[in-house]
Amino acid sequence: MNDKEAIDLLEKQLDALEKAEKIIPGDREFFDVGEYDLALEGVYVAHKRHPGVLDDAEVRALVDDFGMDTAEFDR
């Protein structure tokens, strides 16, 4: 996916977390200032804490696209 698609998909995940009231404080602010890696970390952690709120395939696509190492979050 290209950068715009990845950013749009990340924003979609943040919107879904906000709607479900499961967003981690600060994640939207990271996104708004262009710290997409940090925003994705928050999305990933929220996804692990609240399964079923986000689409697994979309989160995995973002993780793969950003090249995020999830080992520290998967413990």
N, C-alpha and C. Protein backbone atom coordinates (compact mmCIF):
# COMPACT_ATOMS: atom_id res chain seq x y z
N MET A 1 0.85 -1.16 0.00
CA MET A 1 0.00 0.00 0.00
C MET A 1 0.90 1.23 0.00
N ASN A 2 0.40 2.31 -0.56
CA ASN A 2 1.22 3.52 -0.57
C ASN A 2 1.03 4.28 0.75
N ASP A 3 1.80 5.35 0.92
CA ASP A 3 1.78 6.09 2.19
C ASP A 3 0.40 6.64 2.52
N LYS A 4 -0.28 7.22 1.53
CA LYS A 4 -1.60 7.79 1.77
C LYS A 4 -2.59 6.71 2.21
N GLU A 5 -2.55 5.56 1.56
CA GLU A 5 -3.44 4.46 1.94
C GLU A 5 -3.15 4.00 3.37
N ALA A 6 -1.89 3.91 3.73
CA ALA A 6 -1.52 3.47 5.07
C ALA A 6 -1.99 4.48 6.12
N ILE A 7 -1.80 5.76 5.84
CA ILE A 7 -2.23 6.79 6.78
C ILE A 7 -3.75 6.81 6.90
N ASP A 8 -4.44 6.65 5.79
CA ASP A 8 -5.91 6.60 5.83
C ASP A 8 -6.40 5.39 6.63
N LEU A 9 -5.75 4.25 6.45
CA LEU A 9 -6.14 3.05 7.18
C LEU A 9 -5.84 3.19 8.67
N LEU A 10 -4.73 3.82 9.00
CA LEU A 10 -4.40 4.08 10.40
C LEU A 10 -5.46 5.00 11.02
N GLU A 11 -5.85 6.02 10.30
CA GLU A 11 -6.88 6.93 10.81
C GLU A 11 -8.21 6.20 11.00
N LYS A 12 -8.52 5.28 10.10
CA LYS A 12 -9.75 4.48 10.23
C LYS A 12 -9.72 3.68 11.53
N GLN A 13 -8.56 3.12 11.87
CA GLN A 13 -8.44 2.33 13.10
C GLN A 13 -8.63 3.23 14.32
N LEU A 14 -8.02 4.41 14.29
CA LEU A 14 -8.17 5.35 15.40
C LEU A 14 -9.63 5.77 15.56
N ASP A 15 -10.30 6.01 14.44
CA ASP A 15 -11.73 6.39 14.49
C ASP A 15 -12.56 5.28 15.12
N ALA A 16 -12.26 4.03 14.74
CA ALA A 16 -13.01 2.89 15.29
C ALA A 16 -12.76 2.75 16.79
N LEU A 17 -11.53 2.96 17.22
CA LEU A 17 -11.23 2.89 18.65
C LEU A 17 -11.92 4.01 19.42
N GLU A 18 -11.94 5.20 18.84
CA GLU A 18 -12.64 6.31 19.49
C GLU A 18 -14.13 6.02 19.61
N LYS A 19 -14.70 5.51 18.55
CA LYS A 19 -16.14 5.20 18.55
C LYS A 19 -16.47 4.16 19.62
N ALA A 20 -15.58 3.19 19.80
CA ALA A 20 -15.79 2.13 20.79
C ALA A 20 -15.32 2.56 22.18
N GLU A 21 -14.79 3.79 22.27
CA GLU A 21 -14.25 4.31 23.53
C GLU A 21 -13.14 3.43 24.10
N LYS A 22 -12.28 2.94 23.21
CA LYS A 22 -11.15 2.08 23.58
C LYS A 22 -9.80 2.68 23.19
N ILE A 23 -9.80 3.92 22.73
CA ILE A 23 -8.55 4.53 22.29
C ILE A 23 -7.65 4.83 23.49
N ILE A 24 -6.36 4.67 23.29
CA ILE A 24 -5.39 4.97 24.32
C ILE A 24 -5.12 6.48 24.26
N PRO A 25 -5.20 7.17 25.40
CA PRO A 25 -4.96 8.62 25.40
C PRO A 25 -3.62 8.97 24.74
N GLY A 26 -3.64 9.94 23.89
CA GLY A 26 -2.43 10.38 23.20
C GLY A 26 -2.27 9.87 21.79
N ASP A 27 -2.93 8.77 21.46
CA ASP A 27 -2.75 8.19 20.12
C ASP A 27 -3.22 9.12 19.02
N ARG A 28 -4.35 9.76 19.20
CA ARG A 28 -4.85 10.68 18.18
C ARG A 28 -3.88 11.86 18.02
N GLU A 29 -3.33 12.32 19.13
CA GLU A 29 -2.38 13.43 19.06
C GLU A 29 -1.12 13.02 18.31
N PHE A 30 -0.62 11.80 18.55
CA PHE A 30 0.53 11.32 17.79
C PHE A 30 0.22 11.34 16.30
N PHE A 31 -0.96 10.86 15.94
CA PHE A 31 -1.37 10.83 14.53
C PHE A 31 -1.42 12.24 13.97
N ASP A 32 -2.03 13.15 14.72
CA ASP A 32 -2.24 14.52 14.24
C ASP A 32 -0.93 15.27 13.98
N VAL A 33 0.12 14.92 14.71
CA VAL A 33 1.41 15.59 14.50
C VAL A 33 2.34 14.79 13.59
N GLY A 34 1.83 13.73 13.00
CA GLY A 34 2.61 12.96 12.04
C GLY A 34 3.49 11.88 12.62
N GLU A 35 3.31 11.57 13.89
CA GLU A 35 4.06 10.48 14.52
C GLU A 35 3.29 9.16 14.33
N TYR A 36 3.25 8.73 13.08
CA TYR A 36 2.41 7.58 12.71
C TYR A 36 2.88 6.29 13.36
N ASP A 37 4.19 6.12 13.52
CA ASP A 37 4.70 4.90 14.16
C ASP A 37 4.18 4.79 15.59
N LEU A 38 4.20 5.91 16.32
CA LEU A 38 3.71 5.89 17.70
C LEU A 38 2.20 5.68 17.76
N ALA A 39 1.49 6.28 16.83
CA ALA A 39 0.04 6.07 16.77
C ALA A 39 -0.27 4.60 16.47
N LEU A 40 0.50 3.99 15.58
CA LEU A 40 0.29 2.58 15.26
C LEU A 40 0.57 1.69 16.46
N GLU A 41 1.60 2.02 17.22
CA GLU A 41 1.88 1.24 18.42
C GLU A 41 0.66 1.24 19.35
N GLY A 42 0.06 2.41 19.53
CA GLY A 42 -1.13 2.51 20.36
C GLY A 42 -2.30 1.72 19.80
N VAL A 43 -2.48 1.78 18.50
CA VAL A 43 -3.54 1.01 17.84
C VAL A 43 -3.30 -0.47 18.06
N TYR A 44 -2.06 -0.91 17.92
CA TYR A 44 -1.75 -2.33 18.08
C TYR A 44 -2.02 -2.79 19.51
N VAL A 45 -1.59 -1.99 20.48
CA VAL A 45 -1.83 -2.34 21.88
C VAL A 45 -3.33 -2.38 22.18
N ALA A 46 -4.06 -1.40 21.71
CA ALA A 46 -5.51 -1.39 21.92
C ALA A 46 -6.17 -2.60 21.26
N HIS A 47 -5.67 -2.96 20.08
CA HIS A 47 -6.21 -4.14 19.38
C HIS A 47 -5.97 -5.41 20.19
N LYS A 48 -4.80 -5.51 20.81
CA LYS A 48 -4.51 -6.69 21.64
C LYS A 48 -5.37 -6.70 22.91
N ARG A 49 -5.60 -5.53 23.50
CA ARG A 49 -6.38 -5.44 24.74
C ARG A 49 -7.88 -5.63 24.51
N HIS A 50 -8.35 -5.25 23.33
CA HIS A 50 -9.78 -5.26 23.04
C HIS A 50 -10.05 -5.97 21.71
N PRO A 51 -9.85 -7.29 21.68
CA PRO A 51 -10.07 -8.02 20.42
C PRO A 51 -11.50 -7.85 19.93
N GLY A 52 -11.63 -7.76 18.62
CA GLY A 52 -12.95 -7.66 18.02
C GLY A 52 -13.36 -6.24 17.69
N VAL A 53 -12.66 -5.25 18.25
CA VAL A 53 -13.01 -3.86 17.93
C VAL A 53 -12.48 -3.50 16.54
N LEU A 54 -11.28 -3.94 16.24
CA LEU A 54 -10.65 -3.65 14.95
C LEU A 54 -10.57 -4.91 14.10
N ASP A 55 -10.44 -4.71 12.82
CA ASP A 55 -10.30 -5.82 11.87
C ASP A 55 -8.86 -6.34 11.91
N ASP A 56 -8.70 -7.62 12.23
CA ASP A 56 -7.36 -8.23 12.34
C ASP A 56 -6.53 -8.03 11.08
N ALA A 57 -7.14 -8.24 9.92
CA ALA A 57 -6.39 -8.14 8.66
C ALA A 57 -5.90 -6.72 8.41
N GLU A 58 -6.71 -5.74 8.76
CA GLU A 58 -6.29 -4.34 8.56
C GLU A 58 -5.15 -3.97 9.51
N VAL A 59 -5.24 -4.39 10.75
CA VAL A 59 -4.16 -4.10 11.70
C VAL A 59 -2.89 -4.80 11.24
N ARG A 60 -2.98 -6.05 10.82
CA ARG A 60 -1.81 -6.79 10.35
C ARG A 60 -1.22 -6.12 9.12
N ALA A 61 -2.06 -5.63 8.21
CA ALA A 61 -1.57 -4.95 7.01
C ALA A 61 -0.78 -3.69 7.39
N LEU A 62 -1.26 -2.96 8.37
CA LEU A 62 -0.54 -1.77 8.84
C LEU A 62 0.79 -2.15 9.47
N VAL A 63 0.77 -3.15 10.33
CA VAL A 63 1.99 -3.61 10.99
C VAL A 63 3.02 -4.02 9.95
N ASP A 64 2.59 -4.77 8.96
CA ASP A 64 3.51 -5.22 7.90
C ASP A 64 4.01 -4.04 7.07
N ASP A 65 3.11 -3.12 6.72
CA ASP A 65 3.48 -1.99 5.90
C ASP A 65 4.48 -1.07 6.61
N PHE A 66 4.29 -0.84 7.90
CA PHE A 66 5.18 0.01 8.67
C PHE A 66 6.44 -0.73 9.10
N GLY A 67 6.45 -2.05 8.94
CA GLY A 67 7.60 -2.84 9.37
C GLY A 67 7.76 -2.85 10.88
N MET A 68 6.64 -2.82 11.57
CA MET A 68 6.65 -2.74 13.03
C MET A 68 7.02 -4.07 13.66
N ASP A 69 7.94 -4.02 14.60
CA ASP A 69 8.31 -5.20 15.37
C ASP A 69 7.36 -5.27 16.57
N THR A 70 6.51 -6.27 16.59
CA THR A 70 5.47 -6.38 17.62
C THR A 70 5.89 -7.24 18.81
N ALA A 71 7.11 -7.74 18.81
CA ALA A 71 7.54 -8.70 19.84
C ALA A 71 7.33 -8.17 21.26
N GLU A 72 7.69 -6.91 21.48
CA GLU A 72 7.56 -6.37 22.84
C GLU A 72 6.10 -6.22 23.28
N PHE A 73 5.19 -6.12 22.32
CA PHE A 73 3.78 -5.97 22.64
C PHE A 73 3.04 -7.30 22.74
N ASP A 74 3.66 -8.35 22.24
CA ASP A 74 3.02 -9.67 22.19
C ASP A 74 3.34 -10.54 23.40
N ARG A 75 4.10 -10.01 24.35
CA ARG A 75 4.47 -10.79 25.52
C ARG A 75 3.32 -10.95 26.48
